[in-house]
Amino acid sequence: MNNKKNILEIAQNSILSQSKSIAKLADFLDNNFINATESIYNCKGRLVVTGIGKSAIIAQKIVATMNSTGTPSLFLHASEAIHGDLGMVQADDIIICISKSGNSPEIKVLVPLLKRFGNTLIAITGNMTSFLAKESHYVLNTTVDSEACPNNLAPTNSTTAQLVIGDALAICLMELRNFSAEDFAKYHPGGALGKKLLLRVIDMLDTTRKPFVNPDSSIKNVIVEISEKRLGVTAVLENEKVVGIITDGDIRRMLNKTETITGLTAKDIMTVNPKTIKSTDMVVDALNVLEDFSITQLVVVDNGEYKGVIHLHDILKEGIV
């Protein structure tokens, strides 16, 4: 039991230590951050983010965030840069170099090469008197009092601080670009979020399954149509206009109430004024209607023309929840 308690205390102390380090970053923000952000925003090239060790991993995450939020970016490993990869840096690119100490051998070799090319250099470092800080155009301070590691060795608070500064840059750039949820979805078309923001009803309509009967159709024909199209529903059309729907639930309720279906027709059991949606509407809007009215199918109608049926199960299969 004591071990379990100690584990929780250690974890809590680690989280609190990192949160305090992050909170201090707000006090470090100055004109360097403003100028760095504006430089990236006005950049005609790409944002190149470099680092070594754990800082290189943070650099890769920052690149991923920037790319997904409208800032074209690429990752350059500091040690690989001085062995040929420096060729990926173009004249109009802006460089972010990440290093806690700012004095690692790779950084000391790389920085003069980058400055020789004339690129704007932004430092993210925890050492404001380091070689990297002195040689950079703008310096973003990520100084931490200590690491969360009990030996004050493993990069924890310092790498978290680097990541948070990178995220702050990305968010500021999103605001400057008026980067919308729709813009975000363009870069995430395969994910659930992208589908929510991009997928329209027409994209999911199966035109080969378009069940319909006439108001005077027999109940047998109604059952056959619902069964064959396998959507659990059929529209009722009169003069090519939707006047009602019949679900498999309507069929069950009818059978419970009557001894015979002889003489009954579609119009006797249909639900009039069914809920509808346009094919150009977003699938997420269709889902909201289905949930609001506790139904599983929606009739799709464009300017009075019946287009088909969208089913809750099909929406859920797409991962839209």
C-alpha atoms as a PDB file:
ATOM      1  CA  MET A   1       0.000   0.000   0.000  1.00  0.00           C
ATOM      2  CA  ASN A   2       2.883   2.342   0.827  1.00  0.00           C
ATOM      3  CA  ASN A   3       4.436   1.667  -2.580  1.00  0.00           C
ATOM      4  CA  LYS A   4       1.168   2.589  -4.281  1.00  0.00           C
ATOM      5  CA  LYS A   5       0.991   5.780  -2.253  1.00  0.00           C
ATOM      6  CA  ASN A   6       4.587   6.660  -3.112  1.00  0.00           C
ATOM      7  CA  ILE A   7       3.924   6.085  -6.822  1.00  0.00           C
ATOM      8  CA  LEU A   8       0.998   8.479  -6.762  1.00  0.00           C
ATOM      9  CA  GLU A   9       2.981  11.099  -4.843  1.00  0.00           C
ATOM     10  CA  ILE A  10       5.880  10.865  -7.286  1.00  0.00           C
ATOM     11  CA  ALA A  11       3.518  11.186 -10.261  1.00  0.00           C
ATOM     12  CA  GLN A  12       1.708  14.135  -8.685  1.00  0.00           C
ATOM     13  CA  ASN A  13       4.982  15.897  -7.898  1.00  0.00           C
ATOM     14  CA  SER A  14       6.156  15.346 -11.485  1.00  0.00           C
ATOM     15  CA  ILE A  15       2.977  16.827 -12.919  1.00  0.00           C
ATOM     16  CA  LEU A  16       3.058  19.788 -10.543  1.00  0.00           C
ATOM     17  CA  SER A  17       6.725  20.410 -11.307  1.00  0.00           C
ATOM     18  CA  GLN A  18       6.051  20.508 -15.045  1.00  0.00           C
ATOM     19  CA  SER A  19       2.963  22.674 -14.661  1.00  0.00           C
ATOM     20  CA  LYS A  20       4.937  25.234 -12.633  1.00  0.00           C
ATOM     21  CA  SER A  21       7.646  25.290 -15.282  1.00  0.00           C
ATOM     22  CA  ILE A  22       5.062  25.902 -17.994  1.00  0.00           C
ATOM     23  CA  ALA A  23       3.370  28.666 -16.003  1.00  0.00           C
ATOM     24  CA  LYS A  24       6.666  30.556 -15.765  1.00  0.00           C
ATOM     25  CA  LEU A  25       6.936  30.668 -19.556  1.00  0.00           C
ATOM     26  CA  ALA A  26       4.218  33.316 -19.670  1.00  0.00           C
ATOM     27  CA  ASP A  27       6.538  35.705 -17.837  1.00  0.00           C
ATOM     28  CA  PHE A  28       9.336  35.084 -20.357  1.00  0.00           C
ATOM     29  CA  LEU A  29       7.312  36.229 -23.363  1.00  0.00           C
ATOM     30  CA  ASP A  30       8.571  39.503 -24.844  1.00  0.00           C
ATOM     31  CA  ASN A  31       9.191  41.242 -28.159  1.00  0.00           C
ATOM     32  CA  ASN A  32      11.330  38.310 -29.244  1.00  0.00           C
ATOM     33  CA  PHE A  33       8.202  36.164 -29.330  1.00  0.00           C
ATOM     34  CA  ILE A  34       6.230  38.824 -31.215  1.00  0.00           C
ATOM     35  CA  ASN A  35       8.980  39.317 -33.786  1.00  0.00           C
ATOM     36  CA  ALA A  36       9.518  35.585 -34.210  1.00  0.00           C
ATOM     37  CA  THR A  37       5.809  35.017 -34.784  1.00  0.00           C
ATOM     38  CA  GLU A  38       5.518  37.838 -37.297  1.00  0.00           C
ATOM     39  CA  SER A  39       8.625  36.634 -39.126  1.00  0.00           C
ATOM     40  CA  ILE A  40       7.155  33.168 -39.545  1.00  0.00           C
ATOM     41  CA  TYR A  41       3.805  34.625 -40.590  1.00  0.00           C
ATOM     42  CA  ASN A  42       5.444  36.786 -43.278  1.00  0.00           C
ATOM     43  CA  CYS A  43       7.858  34.068 -44.386  1.00  0.00           C
ATOM     44  CA  LYS A  44       7.818  33.391 -48.144  1.00  0.00           C
ATOM     45  CA  GLY A  45       9.520  30.050 -47.645  1.00  0.00           C
ATOM     46  CA  ARG A  46       9.040  27.292 -45.105  1.00  0.00           C
ATOM     47  CA  LEU A  47       9.629  26.927 -41.412  1.00  0.00           C
ATOM     48  CA  VAL A  48      12.551  24.562 -40.718  1.00  0.00           C
ATOM     49  CA  VAL A  49      12.726  23.222 -37.166  1.00  0.00           C
ATOM     50  CA  THR A  50      15.934  21.579 -35.968  1.00  0.00           C
ATOM     51  CA  GLY A  51      17.362  20.092 -32.810  1.00  0.00           C
ATOM     52  CA  ILE A  52      19.226  17.095 -31.446  1.00  0.00           C
ATOM     53  CA  GLY A  53      18.406  14.420 -28.884  1.00  0.00           C
ATOM     54  CA  LYS A  54      15.085  14.905 -27.081  1.00  0.00           C
ATOM     55  CA  SER A  55      14.857  18.410 -28.540  1.00  0.00           C
ATOM     56  CA  ALA A  56      14.792  16.823 -32.001  1.00  0.00           C
ATOM     57  CA  ILE A  57      11.727  14.819 -30.997  1.00  0.00           C
ATOM     58  CA  ILE A  58      10.030  18.017 -29.821  1.00  0.00           C
ATOM     59  CA  ALA A  59      11.022  19.640 -33.106  1.00  0.00           C
ATOM     60  CA  GLN A  60       9.246  16.895 -35.035  1.00  0.00           C
ATOM     61  CA  LYS A  61       6.068  17.429 -33.038  1.00  0.00           C
ATOM     62  CA  ILE A  62       6.196  21.184 -33.623  1.00  0.00           C
ATOM     63  CA  VAL A  63       6.619  20.560 -37.356  1.00  0.00           C
ATOM     64  CA  ALA A  64       3.580  18.259 -37.338  1.00  0.00           C
ATOM     65  CA  THR A  65       1.488  20.881 -35.539  1.00  0.00           C
ATOM     66  CA  MET A  66       2.612  23.674 -37.860  1.00  0.00           C
ATOM     67  CA  ASN A  67       1.884  21.668 -41.007  1.00  0.00           C
ATOM     68  CA  SER A  68      -1.590  20.780 -39.794  1.00  0.00           C
ATOM     69  CA  THR A  69      -2.403  24.394 -38.970  1.00  0.00           C
ATOM     70  CA  GLY A  70      -1.326  26.089 -42.179  1.00  0.00           C
ATOM     71  CA  THR A  71       2.399  26.775 -41.725  1.00  0.00           C
ATOM     72  CA  PRO A  72       4.459  24.712 -44.221  1.00  0.00           C
ATOM     73  CA  SER A  73       7.256  23.181 -42.152  1.00  0.00           C
ATOM     74  CA  LEU A  74       9.923  20.516 -42.229  1.00  0.00           C
ATOM     75  CA  PHE A  75      12.198  18.827 -39.704  1.00  0.00           C
ATOM     76  CA  LEU A  76      15.980  18.979 -39.974  1.00  0.00           C
ATOM     77  CA  HIS A  77      18.039  16.839 -37.589  1.00  0.00           C
ATOM     78  CA  ALA A  78      20.960  18.927 -36.384  1.00  0.00           C
ATOM     79  CA  SER A  79      23.554  16.157 -36.703  1.00  0.00           C
ATOM     80  CA  GLU A  80      22.325  15.094 -40.158  1.00  0.00           C
ATOM     81  CA  ALA A  81      22.291  18.715 -41.319  1.00  0.00           C
ATOM     82  CA  ILE A  82      26.092  18.948 -41.212  1.00  0.00           C
ATOM     83  CA  HIS A  83      26.376  15.723 -43.220  1.00  0.00           C
ATOM     84  CA  GLY A  84      24.341  16.746 -46.254  1.00  0.00           C
ATOM     85  CA  ASP A  85      20.766  17.451 -45.139  1.00  0.00           C
ATOM     86  CA  LEU A  86      21.511  21.155 -44.920  1.00  0.00           C
ATOM     87  CA  GLY A  87      20.716  21.187 -48.630  1.00  0.00           C
ATOM     88  CA  MET A  88      17.010  21.142 -47.822  1.00  0.00           C
ATOM     89  CA  VAL A  89      17.215  24.695 -46.419  1.00  0.00           C
ATOM     90  CA  GLN A  90      16.220  27.323 -48.971  1.00  0.00           C
ATOM     91  CA  ALA A  91      16.972  31.052 -49.048  1.00  0.00           C
ATOM     92  CA  ASP A  92      13.517  32.195 -47.889  1.00  0.00           C
ATOM     93  CA  ASP A  93      13.174  29.647 -45.076  1.00  0.00           C
ATOM     94  CA  ILE A  94      13.098  30.566 -41.395  1.00  0.00           C
ATOM     95  CA  ILE A  95      14.908  28.304 -38.933  1.00  0.00           C
ATOM     96  CA  ILE A  96      13.884  27.395 -35.401  1.00  0.00           C
ATOM     97  CA  CYS A  97      16.704  25.747 -33.497  1.00  0.00           C
ATOM     98  CA  ILE A  98      15.812  23.975 -30.240  1.00  0.00           C
ATOM     99  CA  SER A  99      18.389  23.222 -27.552  1.00  0.00           C
ATOM    100  CA  LYS A 100      18.178  23.299 -23.779  1.00  0.00           C
ATOM    101  CA  SER A 101      21.850  24.146 -23.280  1.00  0.00           C
ATOM    102  CA  GLY A 102      22.364  25.969 -26.558  1.00  0.00           C
ATOM    103  CA  ASN A 103      25.979  24.849 -26.439  1.00  0.00           C
ATOM    104  CA  SER A 104      25.993  21.319 -27.849  1.00  0.00           C
ATOM    105  CA  PRO A 105      28.742  20.618 -30.412  1.00  0.00           C
ATOM    106  CA  GLU A 106      26.270  20.027 -33.236  1.00  0.00           C
ATOM    107  CA  ILE A 107      24.564  23.359 -32.572  1.00  0.00           C
ATOM    108  CA  LYS A 108      27.890  25.201 -32.543  1.00  0.00           C
ATOM    109  CA  VAL A 109      28.720  23.748 -35.965  1.00  0.00           C
ATOM    110  CA  LEU A 110      25.252  24.214 -37.470  1.00  0.00           C
ATOM    111  CA  VAL A 111      24.404  27.766 -36.400  1.00  0.00           C
ATOM    112  CA  PRO A 112      27.257  29.532 -38.243  1.00  0.00           C
ATOM    113  CA  LEU A 113      26.360  27.607 -41.411  1.00  0.00           C
ATOM    114  CA  LEU A 114      22.726  28.710 -41.169  1.00  0.00           C
ATOM    115  CA  LYS A 115      23.734  32.328 -40.566  1.00  0.00           C
ATOM    116  CA  ARG A 116      26.080  32.182 -43.563  1.00  0.00           C
ATOM    117  CA  PHE A 117      23.040  31.358 -45.715  1.00  0.00           C
ATOM    118  CA  GLY A 118      21.316  34.499 -44.427  1.00  0.00           C
ATOM    119  CA  ASN A 119      18.274  32.736 -42.947  1.00  0.00           C
ATOM    120  CA  THR A 120      16.439  34.209 -39.968  1.00  0.00           C
ATOM    121  CA  LEU A 121      17.283  32.080 -36.931  1.00  0.00           C
ATOM    122  CA  ILE A 122      14.956  31.677 -33.947  1.00  0.00           C
ATOM    123  CA  ALA A 123      16.284  29.980 -30.817  1.00  0.00           C
ATOM    124  CA  ILE A 124      14.207  28.024 -28.336  1.00  0.00           C
ATOM    125  CA  THR A 125      16.605  27.519 -25.455  1.00  0.00           C
ATOM    126  CA  GLY A 126      16.838  27.305 -21.695  1.00  0.00           C
ATOM    127  CA  ASN A 127      20.193  29.065 -21.570  1.00  0.00           C
ATOM    128  CA  MET A 128      19.987  32.755 -22.408  1.00  0.00           C
ATOM    129  CA  THR A 129      23.772  33.196 -22.335  1.00  0.00           C
ATOM    130  CA  SER A 130      24.469  30.238 -24.610  1.00  0.00           C
ATOM    131  CA  PHE A 131      26.132  30.236 -28.022  1.00  0.00           C
ATOM    132  CA  LEU A 132      22.748  29.586 -29.673  1.00  0.00           C
ATOM    133  CA  ALA A 133      21.065  32.480 -27.827  1.00  0.00           C
ATOM    134  CA  LYS A 134      23.823  34.927 -28.700  1.00  0.00           C
ATOM    135  CA  GLU A 135      23.908  33.964 -32.382  1.00  0.00           C
ATOM    136  CA  SER A 136      20.139  33.943 -33.023  1.00  0.00           C
ATOM    137  CA  HIS A 137      17.996  36.779 -34.316  1.00  0.00           C
ATOM    138  CA  TYR A 138      15.208  36.035 -31.813  1.00  0.00           C
ATOM    139  CA  VAL A 139      15.419  34.024 -28.600  1.00  0.00           C
ATOM    140  CA  LEU A 140      12.456  32.292 -26.963  1.00  0.00           C
ATOM    141  CA  ASN A 141      13.271  31.592 -23.340  1.00  0.00           C
ATOM    142  CA  THR A 142      12.371  28.116 -22.041  1.00  0.00           C
ATOM    143  CA  THR A 143      14.473  28.200 -18.864  1.00  0.00           C
ATOM    144  CA  VAL A 144      13.336  25.795 -16.132  1.00  0.00           C
ATOM    145  CA  ASP A 145      14.538  25.695 -12.534  1.00  0.00           C
ATOM    146  CA  SER A 146      15.059  21.939 -12.686  1.00  0.00           C
ATOM    147  CA  GLU A 147      13.877  18.780 -14.358  1.00  0.00           C
ATOM    148  CA  ALA A 148      11.116  16.642 -12.883  1.00  0.00           C
ATOM    149  CA  CYS A 149      13.620  13.794 -12.875  1.00  0.00           C
ATOM    150  CA  PRO A 150      14.796  13.067  -9.279  1.00  0.00           C
ATOM    151  CA  ASN A 151      18.396  13.314 -10.486  1.00  0.00           C
ATOM    152  CA  ASN A 152      17.700  16.526 -12.422  1.00  0.00           C
ATOM    153  CA  LEU A 153      19.035  14.826 -15.537  1.00  0.00           C
ATOM    154  CA  ALA A 154      16.323  13.370 -17.782  1.00  0.00           C
ATOM    155  CA  PRO A 155      14.770  16.059 -20.026  1.00  0.00           C
ATOM    156  CA  THR A 156      11.233  16.469 -18.682  1.00  0.00           C
ATOM    157  CA  ASN A 157      10.330  20.012 -17.643  1.00  0.00           C
ATOM    158  CA  SER A 158      12.676  21.423 -20.291  1.00  0.00           C
ATOM    159  CA  THR A 159      11.208  19.445 -23.191  1.00  0.00           C
ATOM    160  CA  THR A 160       7.671  20.183 -22.008  1.00  0.00           C
ATOM    161  CA  ALA A 161       8.539  23.890 -22.009  1.00  0.00           C
ATOM    162  CA  GLN A 162       9.910  23.629 -25.556  1.00  0.00           C
ATOM    163  CA  LEU A 163       6.734  21.925 -26.707  1.00  0.00           C
ATOM    164  CA  VAL A 164       4.486  24.520 -25.089  1.00  0.00           C
ATOM    165  CA  ILE A 165       6.378  27.404 -26.712  1.00  0.00           C
ATOM    166  CA  GLY A 166       6.055  25.652 -30.072  1.00  0.00           C
ATOM    167  CA  ASP A 167       2.323  25.239 -29.549  1.00  0.00           C
ATOM    168  CA  ALA A 168       2.025  28.902 -28.544  1.00  0.00           C
ATOM    169  CA  LEU A 169       3.690  29.906 -31.819  1.00  0.00           C
ATOM    170  CA  ALA A 170       1.349  27.660 -33.796  1.00  0.00           C
ATOM    171  CA  ILE A 171      -1.758  29.041 -32.102  1.00  0.00           C
ATOM    172  CA  CYS A 172      -0.666  32.649 -32.661  1.00  0.00           C
ATOM    173  CA  LEU A 173      -0.058  31.884 -36.337  1.00  0.00           C
ATOM    174  CA  MET A 174      -3.508  30.290 -36.590  1.00  0.00           C
ATOM    175  CA  GLU A 175      -5.057  33.462 -35.196  1.00  0.00           C
ATOM    176  CA  LEU A 176      -3.083  35.678 -37.582  1.00  0.00           C
ATOM    177  CA  ARG A 177      -4.235  33.558 -40.522  1.00  0.00           C
ATOM    178  CA  ASN A 178      -7.843  33.342 -39.321  1.00  0.00           C
ATOM    179  CA  PHE A 179      -7.347  29.591 -39.591  1.00  0.00           C
ATOM    180  CA  SER A 180     -10.831  28.076 -39.253  1.00  0.00           C
ATOM    181  CA  ALA A 181     -12.125  24.635 -38.330  1.00  0.00           C
ATOM    182  CA  GLU A 182     -12.855  24.108 -42.021  1.00  0.00           C
ATOM    183  CA  ASP A 183      -9.232  24.923 -42.862  1.00  0.00           C
ATOM    184  CA  PHE A 184      -8.095  22.455 -40.210  1.00  0.00           C
ATOM    185  CA  ALA A 185     -10.287  19.752 -41.728  1.00  0.00           C
ATOM    186  CA  LYS A 186      -8.639  20.199 -45.133  1.00  0.00           C
ATOM    187  CA  TYR A 187      -5.410  18.931 -43.624  1.00  0.00           C
ATOM    188  CA  HIS A 188      -7.141  16.085 -41.755  1.00  0.00           C
ATOM    189  CA  PRO A 189      -9.567  14.631 -44.334  1.00  0.00           C
ATOM    190  CA  GLY A 190      -9.116  11.039 -43.206  1.00  0.00           C
ATOM    191  CA  GLY A 191      -9.723  11.563 -39.505  1.00  0.00           C
ATOM    192  CA  ALA A 192     -12.977  11.717 -37.595  1.00  0.00           C
ATOM    193  CA  LEU A 193     -12.657  15.484 -37.245  1.00  0.00           C
ATOM    194  CA  GLY A 194     -12.104  15.924 -40.966  1.00  0.00           C
ATOM    195  CA  LYS A 195     -15.150  13.835 -41.742  1.00  0.00           C
ATOM    196  CA  LYS A 196     -17.237  15.884 -39.345  1.00  0.00           C
ATOM    197  CA  LEU A 197     -16.245  19.100 -41.033  1.00  0.00           C
ATOM    198  CA  LEU A 198     -16.064  17.972 -44.659  1.00  0.00           C
ATOM    199  CA  LEU A 199     -18.396  15.031 -45.271  1.00  0.00           C
ATOM    200  CA  ARG A 200     -21.760  15.942 -46.771  1.00  0.00           C
ATOM    201  CA  VAL A 201     -24.899  13.845 -46.989  1.00  0.00           C
ATOM    202  CA  ILE A 202     -24.479  13.395 -50.746  1.00  0.00           C
ATOM    203  CA  ASP A 203     -21.100  11.763 -50.112  1.00  0.00           C
ATOM    204  CA  MET A 204     -22.818   8.950 -48.225  1.00  0.00           C
ATOM    205  CA  LEU A 205     -25.955   8.473 -50.301  1.00  0.00           C
ATOM    206  CA  ASP A 206     -26.278   5.059 -51.924  1.00  0.00           C
ATOM    207  CA  THR A 207     -28.428   5.782 -54.967  1.00  0.00           C
ATOM    208  CA  THR A 208     -28.835   2.047 -55.637  1.00  0.00           C
ATOM    209  CA  ARG A 209     -30.831   1.840 -52.426  1.00  0.00           C
ATOM    210  CA  LYS A 210     -33.615   4.374 -52.825  1.00  0.00           C
ATOM    211  CA  PRO A 211     -36.749   2.752 -51.367  1.00  0.00           C
ATOM    212  CA  PHE A 212     -40.148   4.158 -52.262  1.00  0.00           C
ATOM    213  CA  VAL A 213     -43.760   3.083 -52.655  1.00  0.00           C
ATOM    214  CA  ASN A 214     -46.981   4.803 -53.668  1.00  0.00           C
ATOM    215  CA  PRO A 215     -49.706   5.752 -51.170  1.00  0.00           C
ATOM    216  CA  ASP A 216     -51.905   2.983 -52.616  1.00  0.00           C
ATOM    217  CA  SER A 217     -49.216   0.281 -52.493  1.00  0.00           C
ATOM    218  CA  SER A 218     -50.235  -2.830 -50.583  1.00  0.00           C
ATOM    219  CA  ILE A 219     -48.667  -3.615 -47.247  1.00  0.00           C
ATOM    220  CA  LYS A 220     -47.040  -6.651 -48.841  1.00  0.00           C
ATOM    221  CA  ASN A 221     -45.310  -4.411 -51.377  1.00  0.00           C
ATOM    222  CA  VAL A 222     -44.249  -2.064 -48.599  1.00  0.00           C
ATOM    223  CA  ILE A 223     -42.675  -4.957 -46.673  1.00  0.00           C
ATOM    224  CA  VAL A 224     -40.908  -6.219 -49.794  1.00  0.00           C
ATOM    225  CA  GLU A 225     -39.511  -2.752 -50.573  1.00  0.00           C
ATOM    226  CA  ILE A 226     -38.212  -2.246 -47.031  1.00  0.00           C
ATOM    227  CA  SER A 227     -36.687  -5.729 -47.029  1.00  0.00           C
ATOM    228  CA  GLU A 228     -35.014  -5.450 -50.425  1.00  0.00           C
ATOM    229  CA  LYS A 229     -33.443  -2.041 -49.846  1.00  0.00           C
ATOM    230  CA  ARG A 230     -32.305  -2.973 -46.325  1.00  0.00           C
ATOM    231  CA  LEU A 231     -32.569   0.497 -44.855  1.00  0.00           C
ATOM    232  CA  GLY A 232     -35.406  -0.254 -42.474  1.00  0.00           C
ATOM    233  CA  VAL A 233     -37.575   2.367 -44.140  1.00  0.00           C
ATOM    234  CA  THR A 234     -39.279   3.370 -47.342  1.00  0.00           C
ATOM    235  CA  ALA A 235     -40.443   6.741 -48.554  1.00  0.00           C
ATOM    236  CA  VAL A 236     -44.007   7.174 -49.773  1.00  0.00           C
ATOM    237  CA  LEU A 237     -44.145   9.212 -52.974  1.00  0.00           C
ATOM    238  CA  GLU A 238     -47.121  10.890 -54.608  1.00  0.00           C
ATOM    239  CA  ASN A 239     -46.525  12.776 -57.850  1.00  0.00           C
ATOM    240  CA  GLU A 240     -42.808  12.211 -57.175  1.00  0.00           C
ATOM    241  CA  LYS A 241     -43.039  14.123 -53.888  1.00  0.00           C
ATOM    242  CA  VAL A 242     -42.399  12.643 -50.443  1.00  0.00           C
ATOM    243  CA  VAL A 243     -45.689  12.556 -48.554  1.00  0.00           C
ATOM    244  CA  GLY A 244     -44.657  10.146 -45.823  1.00  0.00           C
ATOM    245  CA  ILE A 245     -42.387   7.348 -44.668  1.00  0.00           C
ATOM    246  CA  ILE A 246     -42.913   3.849 -43.328  1.00  0.00           C
ATOM    247  CA  THR A 247     -40.334   2.209 -41.089  1.00  0.00           C
ATOM    248  CA  ASP A 248     -40.004  -1.422 -40.081  1.00  0.00           C
ATOM    249  CA  GLY A 249     -41.182  -0.231 -36.658  1.00  0.00           C
ATOM    250  CA  ASP A 250     -44.415   1.006 -38.250  1.00  0.00           C
ATOM    251  CA  ILE A 251     -44.888  -2.457 -39.757  1.00  0.00           C
ATOM    252  CA  ARG A 252     -44.417  -4.170 -36.395  1.00  0.00           C
ATOM    253  CA  ARG A 253     -46.817  -1.822 -34.645  1.00  0.00           C
ATOM    254  CA  MET A 254     -49.424  -2.367 -37.368  1.00  0.00           C
ATOM    255  CA  LEU A 255     -49.152  -6.158 -37.048  1.00  0.00           C
ATOM    256  CA  ASN A 256     -49.656  -5.902 -33.290  1.00  0.00           C
ATOM    257  CA  LYS A 257     -52.852  -3.879 -33.764  1.00  0.00           C
ATOM    258  CA  THR A 258     -54.600  -5.710 -36.587  1.00  0.00           C
ATOM    259  CA  GLU A 259     -55.596  -9.284 -37.364  1.00  0.00           C
ATOM    260  CA  THR A 260     -55.305  -8.888 -41.124  1.00  0.00           C
ATOM    261  CA  ILE A 261     -53.498  -6.624 -43.553  1.00  0.00           C
ATOM    262  CA  THR A 262     -56.018  -7.210 -46.298  1.00  0.00           C
ATOM    263  CA  GLY A 263     -57.164  -3.901 -47.743  1.00  0.00           C
ATOM    264  CA  LEU A 264     -54.528  -1.849 -45.939  1.00  0.00           C
ATOM    265  CA  THR A 265     -52.263   0.382 -48.016  1.00  0.00           C
ATOM    266  CA  ALA A 266     -49.197   2.485 -47.454  1.00  0.00           C
ATOM    267  CA  LYS A 267     -51.147   5.648 -46.745  1.00  0.00           C
ATOM    268  CA  ASP A 268     -52.940   3.912 -43.863  1.00  0.00           C
ATOM    269  CA  ILE A 269     -49.784   3.387 -41.832  1.00  0.00           C
ATOM    270  CA  MET A 270     -47.318   5.992 -43.098  1.00  0.00           C
ATOM    271  CA  THR A 271     -45.959   8.846 -41.003  1.00  0.00           C
ATOM    272  CA  VAL A 272     -46.693  12.140 -42.723  1.00  0.00           C
ATOM    273  CA  ASN A 273     -44.328  15.123 -42.744  1.00  0.00           C
ATOM    274  CA  PRO A 274     -41.198  13.054 -42.072  1.00  0.00           C
ATOM    275  CA  LYS A 275     -37.925  14.647 -41.010  1.00  0.00           C
ATOM    276  CA  THR A 276     -35.813  15.459 -44.060  1.00  0.00           C
ATOM    277  CA  ILE A 277     -32.403  16.837 -44.882  1.00  0.00           C
ATOM    278  CA  LYS A 278     -30.730  18.196 -48.028  1.00  0.00           C
ATOM    279  CA  SER A 279     -27.984  16.300 -49.790  1.00  0.00           C
ATOM    280  CA  THR A 280     -25.723  19.345 -49.504  1.00  0.00           C
ATOM    281  CA  ASP A 281     -26.027  19.459 -45.714  1.00  0.00           C
ATOM    282  CA  MET A 282     -23.195  18.174 -43.538  1.00  0.00           C
ATOM    283  CA  VAL A 283     -23.399  14.605 -42.290  1.00  0.00           C
ATOM    284  CA  VAL A 284     -22.787  15.846 -38.750  1.00  0.00           C
ATOM    285  CA  ASP A 285     -25.969  17.945 -39.070  1.00  0.00           C
ATOM    286  CA  ALA A 286     -27.863  14.836 -40.154  1.00  0.00           C
ATOM    287  CA  LEU A 287     -26.519  13.041 -37.087  1.00  0.00           C
ATOM    288  CA  ASN A 288     -27.727  15.847 -34.838  1.00  0.00           C
ATOM    289  CA  VAL A 289     -31.255  15.608 -36.281  1.00  0.00           C
ATOM    290  CA  LEU A 290     -31.280  11.833 -35.820  1.00  0.00           C
ATOM    291  CA  GLU A 291     -30.185  12.170 -32.207  1.00  0.00           C
ATOM    292  CA  ASP A 292     -32.551  15.047 -31.420  1.00  0.00           C
ATOM    293  CA  PHE A 293     -35.597  13.113 -32.607  1.00  0.00           C
ATOM    294  CA  SER A 294     -34.382   9.621 -31.603  1.00  0.00           C
ATOM    295  CA  ILE A 295     -34.752   8.244 -35.125  1.00  0.00           C
ATOM    296  CA  THR A 296     -32.419   6.131 -37.240  1.00  0.00           C
ATOM    297  CA  GLN A 297     -33.188   7.274 -40.798  1.00  0.00           C
ATOM    298  CA  LEU A 298     -33.536  10.583 -42.582  1.00  0.00           C
ATOM    299  CA  VAL A 299     -35.150  11.167 -45.946  1.00  0.00           C
ATOM    300  CA  VAL A 300     -32.951  13.232 -48.253  1.00  0.00           C
ATOM    301  CA  VAL A 301     -34.871  15.815 -50.296  1.00  0.00           C
ATOM    302  CA  ASP A 302     -33.520  18.577 -52.546  1.00  0.00           C
ATOM    303  CA  ASN A 303     -36.040  21.219 -53.649  1.00  0.00           C
ATOM    304  CA  GLY A 304     -38.841  18.695 -53.336  1.00  0.00           C
ATOM    305  CA  GLU A 305     -36.962  15.937 -55.194  1.00  0.00           C
ATOM    306  CA  TYR A 306     -36.492  12.644 -53.347  1.00  0.00           C
ATOM    307  CA  LYS A 307     -32.806  11.654 -53.334  1.00  0.00           C
ATOM    308  CA  GLY A 308     -32.659   8.714 -50.969  1.00  0.00           C
ATOM    309  CA  VAL A 309     -32.203   7.804 -47.320  1.00  0.00           C
ATOM    310  CA  ILE A 310     -29.289   8.290 -44.943  1.00  0.00           C
ATOM    311  CA  HIS A 311     -29.072   5.808 -42.063  1.00  0.00           C
ATOM    312  CA  LEU A 312     -27.631   6.297 -38.596  1.00  0.00           C
ATOM    313  CA  HIS A 313     -25.592   3.093 -38.858  1.00  0.00           C
ATOM    314  CA  ASP A 314     -23.839   4.324 -41.985  1.00  0.00           C
ATOM    315  CA  ILE A 315     -22.875   7.556 -40.211  1.00  0.00           C
ATOM    316  CA  LEU A 316     -21.524   5.685 -37.202  1.00  0.00           C
ATOM    317  CA  LYS A 317     -19.470   3.424 -39.486  1.00  0.00           C
ATOM    318  CA  GLU A 318     -17.671   6.534 -40.699  1.00  0.00           C
ATOM    319  CA  GLY A 319     -16.608   7.257 -37.127  1.00  0.00           C
ATOM    320  CA  ILE A 320     -18.690  10.410 -36.829  1.00  0.00           C
ATOM    321  CA  VAL A 321     -19.964  10.612 -33.274  1.00  0.00           C
END
